[in-house]
Amino acid sequence: MQRVTALLTSLVVALAVSPLVAAPGQAAEPAPAPSAVTAAYPGVLQGVYYERPDCLDYGRYGVQQGMWDWWFCEDNNGMWWLWTFTY
């Protein structure tokens, strides 16, 4: 009877510990792929805007103030990302 109890105890402990041991080895979820524009032209993300006119206005403002040479606004799931480039 002692052997059966020892075997069952070992089995329960092994089953309880196995998810804890396996969890750190699991791969993290991969990052989303960059859009075609950002992959082809790596720039600096200056801001994210709810409205396209806000993104356009700040992009123009940055060129006028000499903060960057070129910019564009990218629609990303309803948000507008302002990408800037300095040459």
N, C-alpha and C. Protein backbone atom coordinates (compact mmCIF):
# COMPACT_ATOMS: atom_id res chain seq x y z
N MET A 1 0.82 -1.18 0.00
CA MET A 1 0.00 0.00 0.00
C MET A 1 0.87 1.26 0.00
N GLN A 2 2.03 1.18 0.68
CA GLN A 2 2.91 2.35 0.71
C GLN A 2 3.44 2.69 -0.69
N ARG A 3 3.74 1.67 -1.45
CA ARG A 3 4.24 1.90 -2.80
C ARG A 3 3.19 2.59 -3.67
N VAL A 4 1.95 2.17 -3.56
CA VAL A 4 0.86 2.77 -4.35
C VAL A 4 0.68 4.23 -3.93
N THR A 5 0.72 4.51 -2.64
CA THR A 5 0.57 5.87 -2.14
C THR A 5 1.73 6.74 -2.61
N ALA A 6 2.94 6.22 -2.55
CA ALA A 6 4.12 6.96 -3.00
C ALA A 6 4.05 7.24 -4.50
N LEU A 7 3.59 6.24 -5.25
CA LEU A 7 3.47 6.40 -6.70
C LEU A 7 2.41 7.45 -7.04
N LEU A 8 1.27 7.38 -6.38
CA LEU A 8 0.21 8.36 -6.63
C LEU A 8 0.65 9.77 -6.22
N THR A 9 1.37 9.87 -5.11
CA THR A 9 1.86 11.18 -4.67
C THR A 9 2.84 11.75 -5.69
N SER A 10 3.73 10.92 -6.19
CA SER A 10 4.70 11.37 -7.20
C SER A 10 4.00 11.80 -8.48
N LEU A 11 2.98 11.04 -8.87
CA LEU A 11 2.24 11.36 -10.08
C LEU A 11 1.50 12.69 -9.94
N VAL A 12 0.88 12.93 -8.80
CA VAL A 12 0.16 14.18 -8.57
C VAL A 12 1.12 15.37 -8.56
N VAL A 13 2.25 15.21 -7.92
CA VAL A 13 3.24 16.28 -7.88
C VAL A 13 3.78 16.56 -9.29
N ALA A 14 4.06 15.52 -10.04
CA ALA A 14 4.58 15.70 -11.40
C ALA A 14 3.56 16.40 -12.29
N LEU A 15 2.30 16.04 -12.17
CA LEU A 15 1.26 16.69 -12.97
C LEU A 15 1.04 18.14 -12.54
N ALA A 16 1.18 18.41 -11.28
CA ALA A 16 0.97 19.78 -10.79
C ALA A 16 2.13 20.70 -11.18
N VAL A 17 3.33 20.17 -11.26
CA VAL A 17 4.51 20.98 -11.56
C VAL A 17 4.73 21.12 -13.06
N SER A 18 4.28 20.18 -13.88
CA SER A 18 4.58 20.20 -15.31
C SER A 18 4.10 21.46 -16.02
N PRO A 19 2.92 22.04 -15.73
CA PRO A 19 2.57 23.30 -16.41
C PRO A 19 3.49 24.44 -16.03
N LEU A 20 3.99 24.44 -14.80
CA LEU A 20 4.89 25.50 -14.36
C LEU A 20 6.23 25.41 -15.05
N VAL A 21 6.68 24.21 -15.30
CA VAL A 21 7.97 24.00 -15.94
C VAL A 21 7.87 24.28 -17.43
N ALA A 22 6.75 23.93 -18.06
CA ALA A 22 6.59 24.09 -19.51
C ALA A 22 6.31 25.54 -19.90
N ALA A 23 5.73 26.33 -19.02
CA ALA A 23 5.31 27.68 -19.38
C ALA A 23 6.46 28.58 -19.83
N PRO A 24 7.60 28.65 -19.13
CA PRO A 24 8.65 29.56 -19.58
C PRO A 24 9.25 29.17 -20.93
N GLY A 25 9.20 27.91 -21.30
CA GLY A 25 9.78 27.48 -22.55
C GLY A 25 8.91 27.77 -23.76
N GLN A 26 7.67 28.17 -23.55
CA GLN A 26 6.79 28.42 -24.67
C GLN A 26 7.19 29.72 -25.36
N ALA A 27 7.07 29.72 -26.68
CA ALA A 27 7.45 30.90 -27.44
C ALA A 27 6.42 32.01 -27.24
N ALA A 28 6.90 33.23 -27.20
CA ALA A 28 6.02 34.38 -27.09
C ALA A 28 5.29 34.59 -28.41
N GLU A 29 4.17 35.25 -28.35
CA GLU A 29 3.41 35.54 -29.56
C GLU A 29 4.23 36.46 -30.46
N PRO A 30 4.32 36.16 -31.75
CA PRO A 30 5.16 36.99 -32.62
C PRO A 30 4.59 38.40 -32.77
N ALA A 31 5.49 39.34 -32.98
CA ALA A 31 5.07 40.73 -33.18
C ALA A 31 4.40 40.86 -34.54
N PRO A 32 3.46 41.78 -34.65
CA PRO A 32 2.81 41.97 -35.96
C PRO A 32 3.81 42.47 -36.99
N ALA A 33 3.61 42.07 -38.22
CA ALA A 33 4.50 42.48 -39.29
C ALA A 33 4.31 43.96 -39.58
N PRO A 34 5.39 44.68 -39.89
CA PRO A 34 5.25 46.09 -40.22
C PRO A 34 4.53 46.24 -41.56
N SER A 35 3.93 47.38 -41.78
CA SER A 35 3.26 47.61 -43.05
C SER A 35 4.29 47.70 -44.16
N ALA A 36 3.83 47.62 -45.38
CA ALA A 36 4.73 47.65 -46.53
C ALA A 36 5.47 48.97 -46.60
N VAL A 37 4.80 50.06 -46.26
CA VAL A 37 5.43 51.38 -46.33
C VAL A 37 6.52 51.51 -45.28
N THR A 38 6.22 51.14 -44.04
CA THR A 38 7.21 51.31 -42.98
C THR A 38 8.37 50.34 -43.14
N ALA A 39 8.14 49.17 -43.74
CA ALA A 39 9.24 48.23 -43.96
C ALA A 39 10.18 48.74 -45.05
N ALA A 40 9.62 49.39 -46.07
CA ALA A 40 10.44 49.88 -47.18
C ALA A 40 11.15 51.18 -46.83
N TYR A 41 10.55 52.00 -45.99
CA TYR A 41 11.10 53.31 -45.65
C TYR A 41 11.14 53.49 -44.14
N PRO A 42 12.13 52.93 -43.47
CA PRO A 42 12.15 53.08 -42.01
C PRO A 42 12.35 54.54 -41.62
N GLY A 43 11.46 55.05 -40.81
CA GLY A 43 11.53 56.44 -40.36
C GLY A 43 11.34 56.49 -38.87
N VAL A 44 11.00 57.67 -38.39
CA VAL A 44 10.77 57.90 -36.97
C VAL A 44 9.29 58.16 -36.76
N LEU A 45 8.68 57.41 -35.87
CA LEU A 45 7.28 57.64 -35.55
C LEU A 45 7.20 58.84 -34.61
N GLN A 46 6.63 59.93 -35.10
CA GLN A 46 6.55 61.16 -34.31
C GLN A 46 5.28 61.23 -33.47
N GLY A 47 4.21 60.61 -33.92
CA GLY A 47 2.97 60.69 -33.16
C GLY A 47 1.89 59.86 -33.79
N VAL A 48 0.84 59.61 -33.01
CA VAL A 48 -0.33 58.87 -33.47
C VAL A 48 -1.54 59.77 -33.22
N TYR A 49 -2.36 59.95 -34.24
CA TYR A 49 -3.48 60.88 -34.18
C TYR A 49 -4.79 60.17 -34.49
N TYR A 50 -5.87 60.67 -33.90
CA TYR A 50 -7.20 60.13 -34.16
C TYR A 50 -7.74 60.62 -35.50
N GLU A 51 -7.36 61.82 -35.90
CA GLU A 51 -7.88 62.44 -37.12
C GLU A 51 -6.77 62.69 -38.12
N ARG A 52 -7.05 62.46 -39.41
CA ARG A 52 -6.06 62.66 -40.47
C ARG A 52 -5.63 64.12 -40.58
N PRO A 53 -6.54 65.10 -40.50
CA PRO A 53 -6.09 66.50 -40.61
C PRO A 53 -5.08 66.89 -39.53
N ASP A 54 -5.22 66.36 -38.33
CA ASP A 54 -4.24 66.66 -37.27
C ASP A 54 -2.86 66.13 -37.65
N CYS A 55 -2.82 64.93 -38.19
CA CYS A 55 -1.55 64.34 -38.61
C CYS A 55 -0.93 65.16 -39.72
N LEU A 56 -1.73 65.54 -40.71
CA LEU A 56 -1.22 66.33 -41.83
C LEU A 56 -0.71 67.69 -41.37
N ASP A 57 -1.45 68.34 -40.49
CA ASP A 57 -1.04 69.65 -39.99
C ASP A 57 0.29 69.58 -39.26
N TYR A 58 0.47 68.61 -38.40
CA TYR A 58 1.71 68.52 -37.65
C TYR A 58 2.88 68.11 -38.55
N GLY A 59 2.61 67.29 -39.57
CA GLY A 59 3.65 66.94 -40.52
C GLY A 59 4.17 68.16 -41.26
N ARG A 60 3.23 69.01 -41.75
CA ARG A 60 3.62 70.25 -42.43
C ARG A 60 4.36 71.20 -41.48
N TYR A 61 3.87 71.29 -40.26
CA TYR A 61 4.49 72.16 -39.26
C TYR A 61 5.95 71.75 -39.02
N GLY A 62 6.20 70.46 -38.93
CA GLY A 62 7.56 69.99 -38.69
C GLY A 62 8.51 70.34 -39.82
N VAL A 63 8.03 70.28 -41.07
CA VAL A 63 8.87 70.66 -42.21
C VAL A 63 9.14 72.17 -42.16
N GLN A 64 8.11 72.96 -41.88
CA GLN A 64 8.28 74.42 -41.83
C GLN A 64 9.26 74.84 -40.73
N GLN A 65 9.27 74.11 -39.63
CA GLN A 65 10.15 74.44 -38.51
C GLN A 65 11.52 73.79 -38.61
N GLY A 66 11.74 73.00 -39.66
CA GLY A 66 13.03 72.35 -39.85
C GLY A 66 13.26 71.14 -38.94
N MET A 67 12.19 70.57 -38.41
CA MET A 67 12.35 69.41 -37.52
C MET A 67 12.61 68.13 -38.31
N TRP A 68 12.13 68.04 -39.55
CA TRP A 68 12.38 66.91 -40.43
C TRP A 68 12.24 67.37 -41.86
N ASP A 69 12.78 66.55 -42.79
CA ASP A 69 12.79 66.92 -44.20
C ASP A 69 11.57 66.41 -44.96
N TRP A 70 11.08 65.25 -44.57
CA TRP A 70 9.98 64.63 -45.30
C TRP A 70 9.13 63.86 -44.31
N TRP A 71 7.86 63.66 -44.62
CA TRP A 71 6.94 62.99 -43.70
C TRP A 71 5.78 62.39 -44.48
N PHE A 72 5.08 61.48 -43.86
CA PHE A 72 3.79 61.02 -44.38
C PHE A 72 2.95 60.48 -43.24
N CYS A 73 1.64 60.46 -43.46
CA CYS A 73 0.68 59.94 -42.48
C CYS A 73 0.17 58.60 -42.98
N GLU A 74 0.27 57.60 -42.15
CA GLU A 74 -0.15 56.24 -42.51
C GLU A 74 -1.40 55.88 -41.71
N ASP A 75 -2.43 55.40 -42.41
CA ASP A 75 -3.64 54.93 -41.75
C ASP A 75 -3.37 53.54 -41.21
N ASN A 76 -3.50 53.38 -39.90
CA ASN A 76 -3.25 52.10 -39.26
C ASN A 76 -4.42 51.78 -38.35
N ASN A 77 -5.39 51.05 -38.88
CA ASN A 77 -6.59 50.64 -38.13
C ASN A 77 -7.35 51.83 -37.56
N GLY A 78 -7.55 52.85 -38.37
CA GLY A 78 -8.33 54.00 -37.94
C GLY A 78 -7.53 55.06 -37.19
N MET A 79 -6.28 54.81 -36.90
CA MET A 79 -5.40 55.79 -36.27
C MET A 79 -4.40 56.26 -37.33
N TRP A 80 -3.97 57.48 -37.22
CA TRP A 80 -3.04 58.05 -38.20
C TRP A 80 -1.67 58.18 -37.58
N TRP A 81 -0.69 57.49 -38.16
CA TRP A 81 0.69 57.49 -37.67
C TRP A 81 1.50 58.45 -38.49
N LEU A 82 2.18 59.38 -37.83
CA LEU A 82 3.04 60.35 -38.52
C LEU A 82 4.47 59.83 -38.53
N TRP A 83 4.95 59.50 -39.72
CA TRP A 83 6.33 59.03 -39.91
C TRP A 83 7.14 60.16 -40.48
N THR A 84 8.33 60.40 -39.92
CA THR A 84 9.18 61.49 -40.39
C THR A 84 10.56 60.98 -40.78
N PHE A 85 11.21 61.75 -41.65
CA PHE A 85 12.52 61.36 -42.18
C PHE A 85 13.40 62.59 -42.24
N THR A 86 14.64 62.44 -41.80
CA THR A 86 15.63 63.51 -41.87
C THR A 86 16.79 63.02 -42.73
N TYR A 87 17.14 63.78 -43.73
CA TYR A 87 18.20 63.38 -44.66
C TYR A 87 19.46 64.15 -44.41
